[in-house]
Amino acid sequence: MTAMLLVEVPFAGRIWGLPVLSALVPSRAWCEAQGRHYRLTTTWARAILLRLDARLFDPPPDPPLTLQQVVKGARQPNLRSRLTDKATVWRRAAQPSRTRWRSSGWIDYACGTALWHHQGKPLVPILWVMVRYPDGRRDPEAFLCTDLSVPPRTVLEWFNRRWAMETTYEESRAHLGIETQRQWADPAVFRTAPLLFGLYSLITLYVHQNAGRLALSPRRAIWYPKPAPTFADALARLRQHLWFEQAVMSPAKGDMLQTPPPFLRRLVDIACYAP
């Protein structure tokens, strides 16, 4: 399980998930074999989900003249009832996509603010955003944000960024060796897996800070017009920069180059893009 910072990478033109903290979650079978206590995934990462029948309230009215403190106002209709309420104001928008080059269809959304109340817990001011799909492709959903100043569309875009995490896992496995390490000892896996995730973030940050000097460009093919660089392009350009532009020095004597330049560039390209 990995905590990631979801940011837009300028040289890629899309959202990347940069790992900042990793926690290895052993399976139940492994814990039983090792005599360790098994922890559920929800124990490792607590997520707050807004239910459609959550108890929502108005902010408290002005303080009365009595000594009794009022912490919440009148109860609001729950979000499930707002789906069929004719007074609910819906706005139509294009659903955010994982990339900026395409859309994922149309959605209707409604929003509002409330105090989220749960028995025995402190009140939480929230901005709620409820989404329904005109074509019925999915059930209605609700999202919350504790920052009341954020526009509703931004809340939906933040939620949609979670798909970038899947790309991080796939690219880390394909290019950095996550889950394909040669060692099988548990301590070695516990050490190397978080380091490889951290290496993903370090490579991205280095290429971003030196984007002008590295002149990063996507590797294209006739049948694949790639619009922007990917992590594979960033890793290959960094390898070329470290291996051949800095580490490989010219000989002391000015001998004639024996290898044809086009063939040498091809060898360099194969070496840099090797998994």
Protein backbone atom coordinates (compact mmCIF):
# COMPACT_ATOMS: atom_id res chain seq x y z
CA MET A 1 0.00 0.00 0.00
CA THR A 2 1.44 3.32 -1.06
CA ALA A 3 0.58 6.91 -0.21
CA MET A 4 1.08 9.07 -3.29
CA LEU A 5 1.14 12.76 -4.06
CA LEU A 6 -1.07 13.32 -7.11
CA VAL A 7 0.37 16.25 -9.05
CA GLU A 8 0.43 17.41 -12.64
CA VAL A 9 3.87 16.79 -14.15
CA PRO A 10 4.59 19.64 -16.61
CA PHE A 11 6.75 17.66 -19.04
CA ALA A 12 4.13 14.88 -19.25
CA GLY A 13 1.03 17.07 -19.36
CA ARG A 14 -0.99 14.83 -17.03
CA ILE A 15 -1.40 13.76 -13.43
CA TRP A 16 1.21 11.39 -12.01
CA GLY A 17 1.10 9.59 -8.69
CA LEU A 18 4.42 10.09 -6.89
CA PRO A 19 4.96 7.64 -3.99
CA VAL A 20 5.89 9.31 -0.71
CA LEU A 21 5.20 6.53 1.81
CA SER A 22 4.96 2.76 1.39
CA ALA A 23 3.59 0.12 3.75
CA LEU A 24 3.84 -3.58 2.93
CA VAL A 25 0.56 -5.34 3.73
CA PRO A 26 1.18 -9.08 4.23
CA SER A 27 -1.57 -11.54 3.37
CA ARG A 28 -3.51 -13.49 5.97
CA ALA A 29 -1.78 -16.74 4.96
CA TRP A 30 1.68 -15.19 5.36
CA CYS A 31 0.85 -13.78 8.79
CA GLU A 32 -0.51 -17.13 9.97
CA ALA A 33 2.61 -18.92 8.72
CA GLN A 34 4.88 -16.41 10.47
CA GLY A 35 2.84 -16.28 13.65
CA ARG A 36 2.02 -12.59 13.26
CA HIS A 37 -1.19 -10.71 13.80
CA TYR A 38 -3.06 -10.08 10.56
CA ARG A 39 -4.27 -6.55 9.91
CA LEU A 40 -7.01 -5.70 7.49
CA THR A 41 -6.33 -3.33 4.63
CA THR A 42 -8.79 -0.90 6.18
CA THR A 43 -6.70 -0.95 9.33
CA TRP A 44 -3.64 0.21 7.41
CA ALA A 45 -5.44 2.95 5.58
CA ARG A 46 -8.54 4.56 7.07
CA ALA A 47 -10.77 6.11 4.47
CA ILE A 48 -13.79 8.30 5.22
CA LEU A 49 -16.68 7.59 2.88
CA LEU A 50 -19.70 9.86 2.66
CA ARG A 51 -22.88 7.81 2.83
CA LEU A 52 -25.98 8.90 0.98
CA ASP A 53 -27.94 8.63 4.24
CA ALA A 54 -25.43 10.59 6.35
CA ARG A 55 -26.85 12.90 9.03
CA LEU A 56 -26.34 16.43 7.72
CA PHE A 57 -27.30 19.62 9.54
CA ASP A 58 -27.37 23.36 9.00
CA PRO A 59 -24.84 25.51 10.89
CA PRO A 60 -26.04 26.57 14.34
CA PRO A 61 -28.08 29.78 14.57
CA ASP A 62 -26.85 32.88 16.31
CA PRO A 63 -26.10 32.26 19.99
CA PRO A 64 -29.27 32.70 22.07
CA LEU A 65 -29.44 34.63 25.27
CA THR A 66 -29.61 31.43 27.30
CA LEU A 67 -26.57 29.62 28.64
CA GLN A 68 -27.28 26.45 26.64
CA GLN A 69 -24.84 26.03 23.76
CA VAL A 70 -26.26 25.15 20.34
CA VAL A 71 -23.84 23.15 18.17
CA LYS A 72 -25.99 22.40 15.11
CA GLY A 73 -29.02 23.72 13.32
CA ALA A 74 -31.97 22.04 11.66
CA ARG A 75 -31.42 18.69 10.03
CA GLN A 76 -31.08 18.74 6.25
CA PRO A 77 -32.61 16.19 3.88
CA ASN A 78 -30.21 13.32 3.33
CA LEU A 79 -28.54 13.02 -0.03
CA ARG A 80 -30.62 10.03 -1.10
CA SER A 81 -33.80 12.08 -0.86
CA ARG A 82 -32.19 14.95 -2.76
CA LEU A 83 -31.85 12.67 -5.79
CA THR A 84 -35.62 12.80 -6.34
CA ASP A 85 -36.26 16.24 -4.85
CA LYS A 86 -37.40 18.68 -7.54
CA ALA A 87 -35.82 21.53 -5.58
CA THR A 88 -32.33 20.10 -6.09
CA VAL A 89 -30.38 22.22 -8.56
CA TRP A 90 -28.38 20.07 -10.98
CA ARG A 91 -25.58 21.28 -13.22
CA ARG A 92 -24.29 19.39 -16.24
CA ALA A 93 -20.59 19.05 -16.97
CA ALA A 94 -18.13 16.82 -18.78
CA GLN A 95 -16.72 14.13 -16.54
CA PRO A 96 -12.99 14.66 -15.92
CA SER A 97 -10.75 12.11 -17.58
CA ARG A 98 -7.34 10.73 -16.70
CA THR A 99 -5.80 12.75 -19.52
CA ARG A 100 -6.48 16.18 -20.94
CA TRP A 101 -6.98 14.85 -24.47
CA ARG A 102 -10.36 13.15 -24.00
CA SER A 103 -13.57 13.25 -21.98
CA SER A 104 -15.33 10.47 -20.08
CA GLY A 105 -18.93 11.49 -20.79
CA TRP A 106 -21.48 13.78 -19.17
CA ILE A 107 -22.51 14.02 -15.53
CA ASP A 108 -25.03 16.01 -13.49
CA TYR A 109 -23.87 17.29 -10.12
CA ALA A 110 -25.37 19.16 -7.18
CA CYS A 111 -23.50 20.62 -4.23
CA GLY A 112 -24.00 22.22 -0.85
CA THR A 113 -22.48 22.65 2.60
CA ALA A 114 -23.48 21.06 5.88
CA LEU A 115 -22.29 19.85 9.25
CA TRP A 116 -21.68 16.11 9.27
CA HIS A 117 -22.83 14.65 12.57
CA HIS A 118 -22.16 11.20 13.96
CA GLN A 119 -23.18 10.21 17.45
CA GLY A 120 -20.32 10.70 19.87
CA LYS A 121 -18.10 12.44 17.32
CA PRO A 122 -17.36 16.15 16.82
CA LEU A 123 -19.18 17.99 14.05
CA VAL A 124 -17.31 18.26 10.74
CA PRO A 125 -18.06 21.11 8.28
CA ILE A 126 -18.15 19.61 4.79
CA LEU A 127 -18.79 20.50 1.20
CA TRP A 128 -20.80 17.70 -0.39
CA VAL A 129 -20.98 17.03 -4.11
CA MET A 130 -23.54 14.55 -5.42
CA VAL A 131 -23.18 13.12 -8.92
CA ARG A 132 -25.66 11.30 -11.12
CA TYR A 133 -25.08 9.88 -14.59
CA PRO A 134 -27.70 10.78 -17.24
CA ASP A 135 -27.04 7.61 -19.24
CA GLY A 136 -27.32 5.40 -16.15
CA ARG A 137 -23.87 3.87 -16.58
CA ARG A 138 -23.25 4.08 -12.82
CA ASP A 139 -25.21 4.55 -9.62
CA PRO A 140 -25.32 8.04 -8.06
CA GLU A 141 -22.29 8.89 -5.94
CA ALA A 142 -21.46 11.43 -3.26
CA PHE A 143 -18.12 13.04 -2.42
CA LEU A 144 -17.07 15.30 0.41
CA CYS A 145 -14.38 17.87 1.09
CA THR A 146 -13.53 19.56 4.38
CA ASP A 147 -12.35 22.71 2.57
CA LEU A 148 -15.55 24.68 1.98
CA SER A 149 -13.83 27.16 -0.35
CA VAL A 150 -13.01 24.56 -3.03
CA PRO A 151 -15.20 24.65 -6.19
CA PRO A 152 -17.33 21.51 -6.65
CA ARG A 153 -15.71 20.70 -10.00
CA THR A 154 -12.31 20.69 -8.29
CA VAL A 155 -13.53 18.09 -5.78
CA LEU A 156 -14.55 15.81 -8.66
CA GLU A 157 -11.23 16.36 -10.42
CA TRP A 158 -9.34 15.48 -7.24
CA PHE A 159 -11.28 12.24 -6.91
CA ASN A 160 -10.65 11.36 -10.55
CA ARG A 161 -6.89 11.72 -10.04
CA ARG A 162 -6.81 8.45 -8.13
CA TRP A 163 -6.52 6.57 -11.43
CA ALA A 164 -2.98 7.91 -11.79
CA MET A 165 -1.96 5.56 -8.97
CA GLU A 166 -2.64 2.53 -11.17
CA THR A 167 -0.24 3.90 -13.78
CA THR A 168 2.44 4.32 -11.12
CA TYR A 169 2.13 0.69 -10.04
CA GLU A 170 2.25 -0.57 -13.63
CA GLU A 171 5.25 1.55 -14.61
CA SER A 172 7.12 0.73 -11.40
CA ARG A 173 6.70 -2.96 -12.13
CA ALA A 174 7.63 -2.67 -15.82
CA HIS A 175 10.67 -0.38 -15.48
CA LEU A 176 11.90 -0.54 -11.87
CA GLY A 177 11.26 -4.17 -10.97
CA ILE A 178 8.52 -3.90 -8.35
CA GLU A 179 7.31 -7.44 -7.49
CA THR A 180 9.93 -8.91 -9.83
CA GLN A 181 13.03 -8.65 -7.63
CA ARG A 182 15.44 -11.57 -7.71
CA GLN A 183 15.65 -11.90 -3.94
CA TRP A 184 12.96 -13.86 -2.12
CA ALA A 185 13.93 -13.29 1.51
CA ASP A 186 11.28 -11.32 3.37
CA PRO A 187 13.71 -8.76 4.89
CA ALA A 188 15.13 -8.04 1.43
CA VAL A 189 11.66 -7.48 -0.04
CA PHE A 190 10.75 -5.22 2.89
CA ARG A 191 13.84 -3.11 2.20
CA THR A 192 13.81 -2.88 -1.58
CA ALA A 193 10.11 -2.37 -2.37
CA PRO A 194 9.81 1.02 -0.59
CA LEU A 195 13.14 2.11 -2.09
CA LEU A 196 11.97 1.33 -5.62
CA PHE A 197 8.80 3.33 -5.09
CA GLY A 198 10.91 6.20 -3.80
CA LEU A 199 13.15 5.89 -6.86
CA TYR A 200 10.09 6.49 -9.05
CA SER A 201 9.53 9.84 -7.36
CA LEU A 202 13.22 10.78 -7.45
CA ILE A 203 13.47 10.12 -11.19
CA THR A 204 10.36 12.19 -11.86
CA LEU A 205 11.59 15.12 -9.76
CA TYR A 206 15.08 15.09 -11.29
CA VAL A 207 13.76 15.06 -14.84
CA HIS A 208 11.29 17.83 -13.98
CA GLN A 209 13.98 20.05 -12.47
CA ASN A 210 16.29 19.49 -15.46
CA ALA A 211 13.66 19.32 -18.19
CA GLY A 212 15.19 22.18 -20.16
CA ARG A 213 18.70 20.73 -20.13
CA LEU A 214 17.60 17.17 -20.82
CA ALA A 215 15.31 18.18 -23.72
CA LEU A 216 12.91 15.34 -23.00
CA SER A 217 10.72 14.16 -25.86
CA PRO A 218 8.46 11.11 -26.29
CA ARG A 219 9.67 8.06 -28.15
CA ARG A 220 7.31 7.75 -31.10
CA ALA A 221 6.55 5.11 -33.69
CA ILE A 222 4.71 5.35 -37.00
CA TRP A 223 1.78 3.37 -35.60
CA TYR A 224 1.78 5.09 -32.17
CA PRO A 225 1.63 8.91 -32.14
CA LYS A 226 2.46 9.39 -28.45
CA PRO A 227 1.38 12.95 -27.47
CA ALA A 228 3.62 13.43 -24.41
CA PRO A 229 6.54 11.75 -22.60
CA THR A 230 5.86 8.89 -20.21
CA PHE A 231 7.88 7.53 -17.31
CA ALA A 232 9.69 5.20 -19.73
CA ASP A 233 10.87 8.25 -21.71
CA ALA A 234 11.95 10.05 -18.55
CA LEU A 235 13.91 7.02 -17.30
CA ALA A 236 15.58 6.45 -20.68
CA ARG A 237 16.59 10.12 -21.00
CA LEU A 238 18.03 10.09 -17.48
CA ARG A 239 20.02 6.94 -18.25
CA GLN A 240 21.38 8.51 -21.40
CA HIS A 241 22.35 11.62 -19.45
CA LEU A 242 24.08 9.71 -16.64
CA TRP A 243 25.64 6.85 -18.58
CA PHE A 244 26.80 8.45 -21.81
CA GLU A 245 26.89 12.21 -21.39
CA GLN A 246 28.65 12.26 -18.03
CA ALA A 247 30.21 8.84 -17.36
CA VAL A 248 31.60 8.08 -20.84
CA MET A 249 34.63 10.29 -21.37
CA SER A 250 36.51 10.89 -24.59
CA PRO A 251 39.92 9.17 -24.88
CA ALA A 252 43.07 11.19 -24.37
CA LYS A 253 44.12 10.65 -27.97
CA GLY A 254 41.94 11.91 -30.73
CA ASP A 255 41.50 8.54 -32.46
CA MET A 256 39.01 8.15 -35.25
CA LEU A 257 35.61 6.89 -34.19
CA GLN A 258 35.34 3.26 -35.30
CA THR A 259 31.59 2.83 -34.74
CA PRO A 260 29.25 4.61 -37.18
CA PRO A 261 27.25 7.31 -35.32
CA PRO A 262 23.80 6.05 -36.43
CA PHE A 263 24.63 2.55 -35.22
CA LEU A 264 26.01 3.92 -31.94
CA ARG A 265 22.87 5.99 -31.35
CA ARG A 266 20.79 2.89 -31.96
CA LEU A 267 22.77 0.91 -29.38
CA VAL A 268 22.41 3.74 -26.87
CA ASP A 269 18.67 3.88 -27.47
CA ILE A 270 18.29 0.13 -26.93
CA ALA A 271 20.33 0.24 -23.73
CA CYS A 272 18.44 3.21 -22.28
CA TYR A 273 14.99 1.80 -23.01
CA ALA A 274 15.83 -1.68 -21.74
CA PRO A 275 13.49 -2.74 -18.89
